[in-house]
Amino acid sequence: MTFSGRSPWDTNDSSIRFQSVQYGTHRSQRMDLIQSQKPVDYTRPRKWVVFVHGGAWGSGFPLLYRLVANSFVSQGYDVAIVGYRTYPDAFVDGQIGDIVQAIQFLRSIETRDDERGDSIDMTLIGHSSGAHICMLGILQSKIQGIQRFIGISGVYNIPRHYQFESKRGVERISPLAPVCGGNLSQWKQNSPSLQRIKPSITRKHLPPILLLHGEIDSTVPYTSSAGLYHSLIQQQQIRGNENQDPLIDLKVLKGVEHSETMFHLMFGGVTRDVLMKWIKN
């Protein structure tokens, strides 16, 4: 089974149900819902993958990423490809708010006829800047109620990434600086790697986390994910309560570039293989 990105009225694949729904009033506050038409087993939580695209905080929309659903629908997952307001329509806080709103909307339509609290098993996946806003929202306890998070090729240290963009000569055209606050102090506040998390918040709100990054990523170096991983692990060790904290895992993918991770999710490859194995385990 594959999902081609065609509208539901011109596809012959009767096993797929596609909807594009508006979860907010802005034109960008939309998400594509891609689901199997197979009968639902109501004795088990419904499994959802919520995918948040990248685009340097200033571009991207669900249509470009519909093929990501291929990896999951065939494995029994329903998929939501979330669109959100990009810069200059929204800054980081607004983008996080959109993800929160989208998750709440999805949960509301799923539980409308089923009031069980465990009726949805939700995996949140973010790519690049999408991974950044998801991770920051989780650490700020704004994004809650998810069972696991996967960050792919994410930007987690804003001051360091600004320096990296400066070396590439793209810092003046990149939305990174203004969307994350416009000054060093706010960049630090919006950097997941630089967050100091209260132990009670960590145990209560952080889900299991997988960080995936291509070893030869020239857009966002893999050291970005490695830095976040070591920051979270160090905070666990300082508190001395590793057994009470969520699983945090890092996988650096040899020979993989930035955009390749998305191609792997769409068409198959090591990113998809590692990700699916981790979810199932």
Protein backbone atom coordinates (compact mmCIF):
# COMPACT_ATOMS: atom_id res chain seq x y z
CA MET A 1 0.00 0.00 0.00
CA THR A 2 1.21 3.50 -0.78
CA PHE A 3 -0.36 6.90 -0.36
CA SER A 4 0.29 9.04 -3.38
CA GLY A 5 -0.84 12.40 -2.06
CA ARG A 6 -3.90 12.41 -4.32
CA SER A 7 -7.22 13.70 -3.07
CA PRO A 8 -9.68 11.09 -1.75
CA TRP A 9 -11.99 11.58 -4.68
CA ASP A 10 -9.37 10.55 -7.26
CA THR A 11 -7.73 7.60 -5.52
CA ASN A 12 -8.69 3.97 -6.09
CA ASP A 13 -7.16 2.79 -2.84
CA SER A 14 -10.27 2.03 -0.77
CA SER A 15 -8.13 0.94 2.20
CA ILE A 16 -7.13 4.55 2.92
CA ARG A 17 -9.23 7.36 4.35
CA PHE A 18 -7.87 10.86 3.85
CA GLN A 19 -9.11 14.10 5.45
CA SER A 20 -7.68 17.58 5.54
CA VAL A 21 -9.02 19.31 8.64
CA GLN A 22 -8.76 22.82 10.05
CA TYR A 23 -7.86 22.90 13.77
CA GLY A 24 -7.56 26.71 14.03
CA THR A 25 -8.65 29.87 12.28
CA HIS A 26 -5.40 30.62 10.41
CA ARG A 27 -5.05 29.12 6.94
CA SER A 28 -1.89 27.27 8.02
CA GLN A 29 -3.54 25.64 11.02
CA ARG A 30 -4.49 22.52 9.10
CA MET A 31 -3.51 18.89 9.27
CA ASP A 32 -3.90 15.92 6.96
CA LEU A 33 -5.32 12.79 8.58
CA ILE A 34 -4.39 9.57 6.82
CA GLN A 35 -5.98 6.43 8.21
CA SER A 36 -6.54 2.81 7.36
CA GLN A 37 -10.11 1.76 6.62
CA LYS A 38 -9.60 -1.54 8.40
CA PRO A 39 -11.99 -2.24 11.30
CA VAL A 40 -10.89 -0.67 14.59
CA ASP A 41 -10.08 -2.91 17.56
CA TYR A 42 -11.67 -0.93 20.38
CA THR A 43 -10.11 -3.20 23.02
CA ARG A 44 -6.75 -1.53 22.38
CA PRO A 45 -5.63 2.11 22.33
CA ARG A 46 -5.74 3.61 18.86
CA LYS A 47 -2.21 4.26 17.60
CA TRP A 48 -1.48 7.69 16.13
CA VAL A 49 1.69 9.12 14.64
CA VAL A 50 1.68 12.93 14.69
CA PHE A 51 4.31 14.33 12.30
CA VAL A 52 5.56 17.93 12.49
CA HIS A 53 7.52 19.08 9.44
CA GLY A 54 10.62 21.25 9.27
CA GLY A 55 11.37 24.15 6.95
CA ALA A 56 13.65 26.44 9.00
CA TRP A 57 10.63 27.80 10.92
CA GLY A 58 9.58 29.76 7.84
CA SER A 59 8.25 27.31 5.27
CA GLY A 60 6.61 23.94 4.72
CA PHE A 61 3.08 22.54 4.72
CA PRO A 62 1.47 19.08 5.07
CA LEU A 63 1.12 18.38 1.33
CA LEU A 64 4.89 18.05 1.00
CA TYR A 65 5.07 15.31 3.62
CA ARG A 66 2.04 13.10 3.01
CA LEU A 67 4.23 10.22 1.82
CA VAL A 68 5.65 9.96 5.35
CA ALA A 69 2.40 8.17 6.17
CA ASN A 70 3.48 5.18 4.04
CA SER A 71 5.80 3.92 6.76
CA PHE A 72 3.12 3.90 9.40
CA VAL A 73 -0.33 3.20 7.94
CA SER A 74 0.82 -0.19 6.70
CA GLN A 75 1.86 -0.99 10.28
CA GLY A 76 -1.52 -0.16 11.77
CA TYR A 77 -0.97 3.47 12.70
CA ASP A 78 -3.18 6.42 11.88
CA VAL A 79 -1.17 9.46 10.80
CA ALA A 80 -1.62 13.21 11.27
CA ILE A 81 0.65 15.48 9.20
CA VAL A 82 0.46 18.78 11.06
CA GLY A 83 0.70 22.19 9.45
CA TYR A 84 1.33 25.25 11.60
CA ARG A 85 1.94 28.97 11.27
CA THR A 86 5.43 29.72 10.03
CA TYR A 87 7.48 32.91 10.31
CA PRO A 88 6.51 35.75 10.04
CA ASP A 89 2.96 34.69 10.95
CA ALA A 90 4.20 33.13 14.19
CA PHE A 91 7.33 32.96 16.31
CA VAL A 92 8.51 29.92 18.28
CA ASP A 93 5.94 30.28 21.07
CA GLY A 94 3.11 30.56 18.56
CA GLN A 95 4.35 27.54 16.62
CA ILE A 96 4.49 25.47 19.82
CA GLY A 97 0.98 26.67 20.60
CA ASP A 98 -0.19 25.44 17.20
CA ILE A 99 1.21 21.95 17.86
CA VAL A 100 -0.52 21.90 21.25
CA GLN A 101 -3.78 22.99 19.62
CA ALA A 102 -3.47 20.37 16.88
CA ILE A 103 -2.87 17.56 19.39
CA GLN A 104 -5.81 18.69 21.51
CA PHE A 105 -8.03 18.84 18.43
CA LEU A 106 -6.96 15.38 17.32
CA ARG A 107 -7.57 13.96 20.78
CA SER A 108 -10.99 15.61 20.95
CA ILE A 109 -12.21 14.11 17.68
CA GLU A 110 -10.80 10.70 18.58
CA THR A 111 -12.39 10.58 22.04
CA ARG A 112 -15.72 12.06 21.00
CA ASP A 113 -17.34 8.64 21.02
CA ASP A 114 -14.90 6.97 23.40
CA GLU A 115 -14.36 8.47 26.84
CA ARG A 116 -11.57 6.12 27.91
CA GLY A 117 -8.46 8.01 28.97
CA ASP A 118 -6.20 5.44 27.32
CA SER A 119 -7.97 5.42 23.97
CA ILE A 120 -5.04 6.98 22.07
CA ASP A 121 -1.39 5.93 21.93
CA MET A 122 0.38 8.93 20.41
CA THR A 123 3.88 9.11 18.92
CA LEU A 124 5.04 12.65 18.15
CA ILE A 125 7.72 13.01 15.45
CA GLY A 126 9.42 16.25 14.48
CA HIS A 127 11.97 16.92 11.74
CA SER A 128 14.57 19.71 11.75
CA SER A 129 12.94 22.93 13.02
CA GLY A 130 9.81 20.85 13.66
CA ALA A 131 11.87 18.71 16.04
CA HIS A 132 13.04 21.90 17.75
CA ILE A 133 9.58 23.29 18.47
CA CYS A 134 8.29 19.89 19.60
CA MET A 135 11.21 19.26 21.95
CA LEU A 136 11.05 22.77 23.37
CA GLY A 137 7.31 22.43 23.92
CA ILE A 138 7.83 19.12 25.73
CA LEU A 139 10.55 20.50 28.00
CA GLN A 140 8.36 23.52 28.79
CA SER A 141 5.52 21.13 29.71
CA LYS A 142 3.30 22.69 27.05
CA ILE A 143 3.11 19.54 24.92
CA GLN A 144 1.72 16.76 27.10
CA GLY A 145 -0.15 13.49 26.82
CA ILE A 146 2.10 11.84 24.23
CA GLN A 147 3.54 8.37 24.75
CA ARG A 148 6.86 8.94 22.97
CA PHE A 149 8.79 11.57 21.00
CA ILE A 150 11.17 11.13 18.07
CA GLY A 151 13.30 14.09 17.01
CA ILE A 152 14.90 13.75 13.58
CA SER A 153 17.76 16.06 12.50
CA GLY A 154 16.71 18.61 15.09
CA VAL A 155 18.10 22.04 16.00
CA TYR A 156 18.45 22.14 19.79
CA ASN A 157 21.06 24.83 20.52
CA ILE A 158 20.04 28.11 18.89
CA PRO A 159 23.19 30.22 19.60
CA ARG A 160 25.43 27.45 18.31
CA HIS A 161 23.32 26.92 15.22
CA TYR A 162 23.34 30.66 14.51
CA GLN A 163 27.15 30.48 14.51
CA PHE A 164 26.96 27.51 12.14
CA GLU A 165 24.62 29.43 9.81
CA SER A 166 27.02 32.41 9.94
CA LYS A 167 29.86 30.23 8.71
CA ARG A 168 27.65 29.14 5.81
CA GLY A 169 26.68 32.76 5.07
CA VAL A 170 22.93 32.18 5.47
CA GLU A 171 22.28 33.73 8.88
CA ARG A 172 20.74 36.91 7.40
CA ILE A 173 18.23 35.06 5.24
CA SER A 174 17.39 32.37 7.78
CA PRO A 175 14.33 32.93 10.02
CA LEU A 176 16.21 31.38 12.96
CA ALA A 177 17.36 34.63 14.60
CA PRO A 178 14.03 36.53 14.66
CA VAL A 179 11.74 33.52 15.16
CA CYS A 180 13.67 32.46 18.28
CA GLY A 181 13.60 35.88 19.90
CA GLY A 182 16.14 38.10 18.17
CA ASN A 183 18.80 38.23 20.90
CA LEU A 184 21.21 35.89 22.68
CA SER A 185 19.27 35.73 25.93
CA GLN A 186 16.08 34.61 24.18
CA TRP A 187 17.99 32.22 21.93
CA LYS A 188 19.26 30.47 25.05
CA GLN A 189 15.75 30.34 26.52
CA ASN A 190 14.54 28.72 23.30
CA SER A 191 17.33 26.12 23.18
CA PRO A 192 16.29 22.63 24.40
CA SER A 193 19.95 21.73 25.06
CA LEU A 194 20.26 24.67 27.45
CA GLN A 195 17.05 24.04 29.38
CA ARG A 196 17.34 23.18 33.08
CA ILE A 197 14.46 20.89 33.92
CA LYS A 198 12.96 20.46 37.37
CA PRO A 199 13.08 16.81 38.47
CA SER A 200 9.34 16.69 39.15
CA ILE A 201 8.54 18.04 35.68
CA THR A 202 10.92 15.56 34.06
CA ARG A 203 9.40 12.52 35.71
CA LYS A 204 5.83 13.67 35.20
CA HIS A 205 5.90 15.06 31.69
CA LEU A 206 8.82 13.76 29.65
CA PRO A 207 7.99 10.77 27.45
CA PRO A 208 10.59 8.29 26.13
CA ILE A 209 12.73 10.17 23.60
CA LEU A 210 14.61 8.98 20.52
CA LEU A 211 16.98 11.41 18.79
CA LEU A 212 17.93 10.48 15.21
CA HIS A 213 20.51 12.35 13.16
CA GLY A 214 22.50 11.77 10.00
CA GLU A 215 26.24 11.59 10.51
CA ILE A 216 27.02 13.71 7.42
CA ASP A 217 24.17 16.21 7.87
CA SER A 218 25.52 19.50 6.45
CA THR A 219 22.35 21.50 7.26
CA VAL A 220 22.15 20.68 10.97
CA PRO A 221 25.25 18.89 12.29
CA TYR A 222 24.66 15.68 14.24
CA THR A 223 26.35 17.34 17.22
CA SER A 224 23.05 19.17 17.74
CA SER A 225 21.27 15.94 18.74
CA ALA A 226 24.33 14.66 20.58
CA GLY A 227 24.43 17.86 22.65
CA LEU A 228 20.79 17.53 23.68
CA TYR A 229 21.26 13.86 24.50
CA HIS A 230 24.24 14.53 26.77
CA SER A 231 22.45 17.46 28.43
CA LEU A 232 19.44 15.31 29.34
CA ILE A 233 21.58 12.38 30.46
CA GLN A 234 23.76 14.64 32.59
CA GLN A 235 20.72 16.05 34.34
CA GLN A 236 19.56 12.52 35.12
CA GLN A 237 22.95 11.62 36.58
CA ILE A 238 23.13 14.77 38.72
CA ARG A 239 19.76 13.92 40.25
CA GLY A 240 20.78 10.31 40.74
CA ASN A 241 17.31 8.97 39.86
CA GLU A 242 17.84 7.43 36.44
CA ASN A 243 15.35 4.67 37.15
CA GLN A 244 12.56 7.20 37.54
CA ASP A 245 13.34 9.15 34.39
CA PRO A 246 12.18 8.36 30.85
CA LEU A 247 14.25 6.51 28.30
CA ILE A 248 16.45 8.80 26.20
CA ASP A 249 18.24 7.30 23.20
CA LEU A 250 20.49 8.70 20.46
CA LYS A 251 21.14 7.10 17.08
CA VAL A 252 23.62 8.67 14.65
CA LEU A 253 23.01 7.28 11.16
CA LYS A 254 26.18 6.67 9.18
CA GLY A 255 26.34 8.20 5.70
CA VAL A 256 22.96 9.97 6.03
CA GLU A 257 22.31 13.62 5.08
CA HIS A 258 19.63 16.03 6.31
CA SER A 259 16.93 15.49 3.70
CA GLU A 260 17.69 11.78 3.37
CA THR A 261 15.99 11.07 6.67
CA MET A 262 12.69 12.21 5.14
CA PHE A 263 13.24 10.19 1.98
CA HIS A 264 13.83 7.15 4.19
CA LEU A 265 10.51 7.68 5.95
CA MET A 266 8.72 8.08 2.64
CA PHE A 267 10.37 5.34 0.58
CA GLY A 268 12.32 3.14 2.99
CA GLY A 269 15.79 3.27 4.48
CA VAL A 270 17.78 3.13 7.67
CA THR A 271 15.93 6.04 9.32
CA ARG A 272 12.62 4.23 8.99
CA ASP A 273 14.12 0.91 10.10
CA VAL A 274 15.66 2.32 13.28
CA LEU A 275 12.59 4.41 14.09
CA MET A 276 10.09 1.56 13.67
CA LYS A 277 12.22 -0.83 15.71
CA TRP A 278 12.43 1.69 18.55
CA ILE A 279 8.68 2.36 18.57
CA LYS A 280 7.84 -1.35 18.67
CA ASN A 281 10.31 -2.02 21.48
